[in-house]
N, C-alpha and C. Protein backbone atom coordinates (compact mmCIF):
# COMPACT_ATOMS: atom_id res chain seq x y z
N MET A 1 -28.88 33.33 10.79
CA MET A 1 -29.52 32.06 11.00
C MET A 1 -28.52 31.10 11.66
N ARG A 2 -28.89 30.53 12.79
CA ARG A 2 -28.02 29.63 13.55
C ARG A 2 -28.40 28.18 13.29
N LYS A 3 -27.39 27.34 13.22
CA LYS A 3 -27.63 25.91 13.04
C LYS A 3 -27.82 25.29 14.42
N SER A 4 -28.73 24.35 14.48
CA SER A 4 -28.94 23.67 15.76
C SER A 4 -27.79 22.69 16.01
N GLY A 5 -27.66 22.26 17.22
CA GLY A 5 -26.61 21.31 17.60
C GLY A 5 -26.70 20.01 16.81
N SER A 6 -27.90 19.56 16.52
CA SER A 6 -28.04 18.30 15.78
C SER A 6 -27.57 18.44 14.34
N GLN A 7 -27.78 19.59 13.73
CA GLN A 7 -27.30 19.81 12.36
C GLN A 7 -25.77 19.83 12.31
N VAL A 8 -25.15 20.46 13.28
CA VAL A 8 -23.70 20.51 13.36
C VAL A 8 -23.15 19.09 13.56
N GLY A 9 -23.81 18.31 14.40
CA GLY A 9 -23.40 16.93 14.64
C GLY A 9 -23.48 16.08 13.38
N VAL A 10 -24.57 16.24 12.63
CA VAL A 10 -24.74 15.48 11.39
C VAL A 10 -23.66 15.87 10.38
N ILE A 11 -23.38 17.15 10.27
CA ILE A 11 -22.33 17.62 9.36
C ILE A 11 -20.98 17.06 9.78
N GLY A 12 -20.71 17.06 11.07
CA GLY A 12 -19.45 16.51 11.57
C GLY A 12 -19.31 15.02 11.27
N ILE A 13 -20.39 14.28 11.47
CA ILE A 13 -20.37 12.84 11.19
C ILE A 13 -20.16 12.59 9.70
N LEU A 14 -20.85 13.35 8.86
CA LEU A 14 -20.68 13.18 7.41
C LEU A 14 -19.26 13.52 6.97
N ALA A 15 -18.66 14.56 7.54
CA ALA A 15 -17.29 14.94 7.19
C ALA A 15 -16.32 13.83 7.63
N PHE A 16 -16.51 13.30 8.83
CA PHE A 16 -15.66 12.20 9.32
C PHE A 16 -15.79 10.99 8.41
N TRP A 17 -17.03 10.62 8.06
CA TRP A 17 -17.27 9.45 7.22
C TRP A 17 -16.61 9.63 5.85
N ALA A 18 -16.77 10.80 5.24
CA ALA A 18 -16.17 11.06 3.92
C ALA A 18 -14.65 10.97 3.99
N GLY A 19 -14.05 11.53 5.02
CA GLY A 19 -12.60 11.45 5.19
C GLY A 19 -12.14 10.03 5.40
N TRP A 20 -12.87 9.28 6.18
CA TRP A 20 -12.51 7.89 6.45
C TRP A 20 -12.57 7.06 5.17
N ILE A 21 -13.61 7.26 4.36
CA ILE A 21 -13.75 6.53 3.10
C ILE A 21 -12.60 6.88 2.16
N LEU A 22 -12.27 8.15 2.05
CA LEU A 22 -11.18 8.56 1.16
C LEU A 22 -9.85 7.98 1.59
N LEU A 23 -9.55 8.03 2.87
CA LEU A 23 -8.28 7.53 3.36
C LEU A 23 -8.23 6.01 3.39
N ASN A 24 -9.34 5.38 3.67
CA ASN A 24 -9.38 3.93 3.74
C ASN A 24 -9.28 3.28 2.37
N GLY A 25 -9.63 4.00 1.31
CA GLY A 25 -9.55 3.45 -0.05
C GLY A 25 -8.12 3.28 -0.51
N THR A 26 -7.18 3.94 0.11
CA THR A 26 -5.78 3.83 -0.27
C THR A 26 -5.16 2.63 0.42
N SER A 27 -4.48 1.82 -0.38
CA SER A 27 -3.86 0.63 0.19
C SER A 27 -2.67 1.04 1.04
N SER A 28 -2.71 0.73 2.33
CA SER A 28 -1.60 1.07 3.21
C SER A 28 -0.81 -0.16 3.61
N ALA A 29 -1.22 -1.31 3.11
CA ALA A 29 -0.52 -2.54 3.50
C ALA A 29 0.91 -2.56 3.00
N THR A 30 1.21 -1.83 1.95
CA THR A 30 2.55 -1.86 1.40
C THR A 30 3.50 -0.90 2.10
N LEU A 31 3.01 0.02 2.89
CA LEU A 31 3.90 0.98 3.54
C LEU A 31 4.89 0.32 4.50
N PRO A 32 4.47 -0.60 5.35
CA PRO A 32 5.47 -1.28 6.21
C PRO A 32 6.46 -2.10 5.38
N ILE A 33 5.97 -2.70 4.29
CA ILE A 33 6.86 -3.49 3.43
C ILE A 33 7.87 -2.57 2.77
N GLN A 34 7.42 -1.42 2.28
CA GLN A 34 8.32 -0.45 1.66
C GLN A 34 9.36 0.04 2.67
N LYS A 35 8.93 0.33 3.87
CA LYS A 35 9.85 0.80 4.92
C LYS A 35 10.91 -0.26 5.22
N LYS A 36 10.48 -1.52 5.32
CA LYS A 36 11.43 -2.60 5.60
C LYS A 36 12.41 -2.76 4.44
N ALA A 37 11.92 -2.64 3.20
CA ALA A 37 12.80 -2.75 2.03
C ALA A 37 13.87 -1.66 2.06
N LYS A 38 13.48 -0.45 2.44
CA LYS A 38 14.45 0.65 2.56
C LYS A 38 15.48 0.33 3.64
N GLU A 39 15.01 -0.18 4.77
CA GLU A 39 15.93 -0.53 5.87
C GLU A 39 16.92 -1.61 5.45
N LEU A 40 16.52 -2.48 4.53
CA LEU A 40 17.39 -3.55 4.04
C LEU A 40 18.32 -3.07 2.93
N GLY A 41 18.19 -1.80 2.54
CA GLY A 41 19.10 -1.23 1.56
C GLY A 41 18.60 -1.25 0.12
N PHE A 42 17.34 -1.60 -0.09
CA PHE A 42 16.79 -1.59 -1.44
C PHE A 42 16.30 -0.18 -1.79
N ALA A 43 16.26 0.13 -3.07
CA ALA A 43 15.90 1.47 -3.54
C ALA A 43 14.38 1.65 -3.65
N ALA A 44 13.67 1.31 -2.62
CA ALA A 44 12.21 1.42 -2.60
C ALA A 44 11.81 2.83 -2.18
N VAL A 45 12.00 3.79 -3.08
CA VAL A 45 11.73 5.19 -2.74
C VAL A 45 10.25 5.52 -2.81
N ASN A 46 9.46 4.70 -3.52
CA ASN A 46 8.02 4.91 -3.58
C ASN A 46 7.33 3.60 -3.93
N CYS A 47 6.04 3.63 -4.07
CA CYS A 47 5.25 2.42 -4.33
C CYS A 47 5.60 1.78 -5.67
N GLN A 48 6.11 2.59 -6.60
CA GLN A 48 6.41 2.07 -7.92
C GLN A 48 7.64 1.15 -7.95
N PHE A 49 8.24 0.92 -6.82
CA PHE A 49 9.30 -0.08 -6.73
C PHE A 49 8.72 -1.46 -7.05
N CYS A 50 7.45 -1.70 -6.67
CA CYS A 50 6.79 -2.98 -6.92
C CYS A 50 5.45 -2.85 -7.66
N HIS A 51 4.90 -1.64 -7.71
CA HIS A 51 3.60 -1.41 -8.33
C HIS A 51 3.75 -0.52 -9.56
N ASN A 52 2.71 -0.53 -10.40
CA ASN A 52 2.69 0.37 -11.55
C ASN A 52 2.10 1.73 -11.20
N GLU A 53 1.36 1.81 -10.10
CA GLU A 53 0.72 3.06 -9.69
C GLU A 53 1.59 3.78 -8.66
N LYS A 54 1.49 5.11 -8.68
CA LYS A 54 2.22 5.89 -7.67
C LYS A 54 1.64 5.66 -6.29
N LEU A 55 0.33 5.53 -6.21
CA LEU A 55 -0.36 5.30 -4.95
C LEU A 55 -1.46 4.26 -5.19
N PRO A 56 -1.14 2.97 -5.04
CA PRO A 56 -2.11 1.92 -5.32
C PRO A 56 -3.36 2.03 -4.44
N LYS A 57 -4.49 1.71 -5.03
CA LYS A 57 -5.76 1.71 -4.30
C LYS A 57 -6.23 0.27 -4.19
N LYS A 58 -6.90 -0.04 -3.11
CA LYS A 58 -7.44 -1.39 -2.93
C LYS A 58 -8.36 -1.71 -4.10
N GLY A 59 -8.18 -2.88 -4.67
CA GLY A 59 -9.02 -3.32 -5.77
C GLY A 59 -8.59 -2.79 -7.12
N ALA A 60 -7.63 -1.89 -7.17
CA ALA A 60 -7.16 -1.33 -8.45
C ALA A 60 -5.64 -1.29 -8.45
N VAL A 61 -5.02 -2.43 -8.16
CA VAL A 61 -3.57 -2.51 -8.04
C VAL A 61 -3.03 -3.35 -9.18
N SER A 62 -1.96 -2.87 -9.79
CA SER A 62 -1.23 -3.70 -10.75
C SER A 62 0.24 -3.68 -10.34
N HIS A 63 0.90 -4.78 -10.58
CA HIS A 63 2.29 -4.94 -10.14
C HIS A 63 3.24 -4.96 -11.32
N ASN A 64 4.42 -4.40 -11.12
CA ASN A 64 5.47 -4.49 -12.13
C ASN A 64 6.13 -5.86 -11.98
N ASP A 65 7.20 -6.12 -12.73
CA ASP A 65 7.85 -7.43 -12.69
C ASP A 65 8.34 -7.80 -11.29
N ARG A 66 8.90 -6.83 -10.57
CA ARG A 66 9.39 -7.08 -9.22
C ARG A 66 8.23 -7.46 -8.29
N GLY A 67 7.13 -6.72 -8.39
CA GLY A 67 5.96 -7.03 -7.57
C GLY A 67 5.37 -8.39 -7.89
N LYS A 68 5.30 -8.73 -9.18
CA LYS A 68 4.80 -10.05 -9.58
C LYS A 68 5.71 -11.15 -9.04
N TRP A 69 7.01 -10.92 -9.07
CA TRP A 69 7.96 -11.90 -8.56
C TRP A 69 7.76 -12.10 -7.06
N LEU A 70 7.58 -10.99 -6.32
CA LEU A 70 7.36 -11.09 -4.87
C LEU A 70 6.09 -11.86 -4.55
N ILE A 71 5.03 -11.63 -5.31
CA ILE A 71 3.77 -12.35 -5.09
C ILE A 71 3.96 -13.84 -5.36
N ALA A 72 4.69 -14.16 -6.43
CA ALA A 72 4.97 -15.57 -6.74
C ALA A 72 5.78 -16.22 -5.61
N GLU A 73 6.74 -15.48 -5.06
CA GLU A 73 7.54 -15.99 -3.94
C GLU A 73 6.67 -16.21 -2.71
N LYS A 74 5.75 -15.31 -2.47
CA LYS A 74 4.84 -15.44 -1.33
C LYS A 74 4.05 -16.74 -1.45
N GLU A 75 3.52 -17.00 -2.65
CA GLU A 75 2.75 -18.22 -2.87
C GLU A 75 3.64 -19.45 -2.77
N LYS A 76 4.83 -19.37 -3.38
CA LYS A 76 5.76 -20.50 -3.37
C LYS A 76 6.18 -20.87 -1.94
N ARG A 77 6.38 -19.86 -1.11
CA ARG A 77 6.84 -20.09 0.27
C ARG A 77 5.70 -20.29 1.25
N GLY A 78 4.46 -20.11 0.79
CA GLY A 78 3.30 -20.27 1.66
C GLY A 78 3.24 -19.23 2.77
N ALA A 79 3.74 -18.04 2.49
CA ALA A 79 3.79 -16.96 3.48
C ALA A 79 2.47 -16.20 3.52
N LYS A 80 2.21 -15.56 4.65
CA LYS A 80 1.00 -14.74 4.80
C LYS A 80 1.15 -13.41 4.08
N GLU A 81 2.37 -12.88 4.06
CA GLU A 81 2.61 -11.60 3.40
C GLU A 81 3.99 -11.60 2.76
N VAL A 82 4.19 -10.65 1.89
CA VAL A 82 5.47 -10.51 1.19
C VAL A 82 6.55 -10.07 2.17
N ASP A 83 7.73 -10.64 2.03
CA ASP A 83 8.87 -10.24 2.84
C ASP A 83 9.91 -9.60 1.91
N PRO A 84 10.19 -8.31 2.07
CA PRO A 84 11.13 -7.64 1.17
C PRO A 84 12.54 -8.20 1.24
N ALA A 85 12.87 -8.98 2.25
CA ALA A 85 14.19 -9.60 2.33
C ALA A 85 14.39 -10.59 1.17
N TRP A 86 13.30 -11.09 0.61
CA TRP A 86 13.40 -11.99 -0.53
C TRP A 86 14.01 -11.30 -1.75
N LEU A 87 13.97 -9.98 -1.78
CA LEU A 87 14.50 -9.24 -2.94
C LEU A 87 15.99 -9.51 -3.17
N LYS A 88 16.68 -9.98 -2.18
CA LYS A 88 18.10 -10.32 -2.37
C LYS A 88 18.25 -11.44 -3.40
N ASP A 89 17.17 -12.21 -3.61
CA ASP A 89 17.17 -13.31 -4.58
C ASP A 89 16.50 -12.94 -5.90
N TYR A 90 16.04 -11.69 -6.02
CA TYR A 90 15.33 -11.27 -7.25
C TYR A 90 16.32 -11.28 -8.42
N PRO A 91 16.08 -12.10 -9.43
CA PRO A 91 17.06 -12.29 -10.51
C PRO A 91 17.38 -11.04 -11.33
N ALA A 92 16.44 -10.16 -11.57
CA ALA A 92 16.69 -8.99 -12.40
C ALA A 92 17.64 -8.00 -11.75
N ASP A 93 17.73 -7.99 -10.42
CA ASP A 93 18.61 -7.07 -9.71
C ASP A 93 20.03 -7.60 -9.58
N LYS A 94 20.27 -8.82 -10.04
CA LYS A 94 21.59 -9.43 -9.90
C LYS A 94 22.48 -9.21 -11.13
N LYS A 95 22.00 -8.45 -12.09
CA LYS A 95 22.75 -8.22 -13.32
C LYS A 95 23.85 -7.20 -13.12
């Protein structure tokens, strides 16, 4: 039994949509921030440097003390996004 071209197309579209939904649900906004933190010499080896989850998802993110501090700094400074360079001022790392 052969599938028609339209059935193959529908299956392809559904597979693409499912993959897009799965990949899009993962928060990728922190990856550039993590990369910059590493470049600045911080030990940001994974997302748990600032988050409680190994791989934070949009809408289901919790932050550890460092992450909460960065968010407070973002609000205090009126910045659009977190800047990992601020970590040089993070009080817990100065001990």
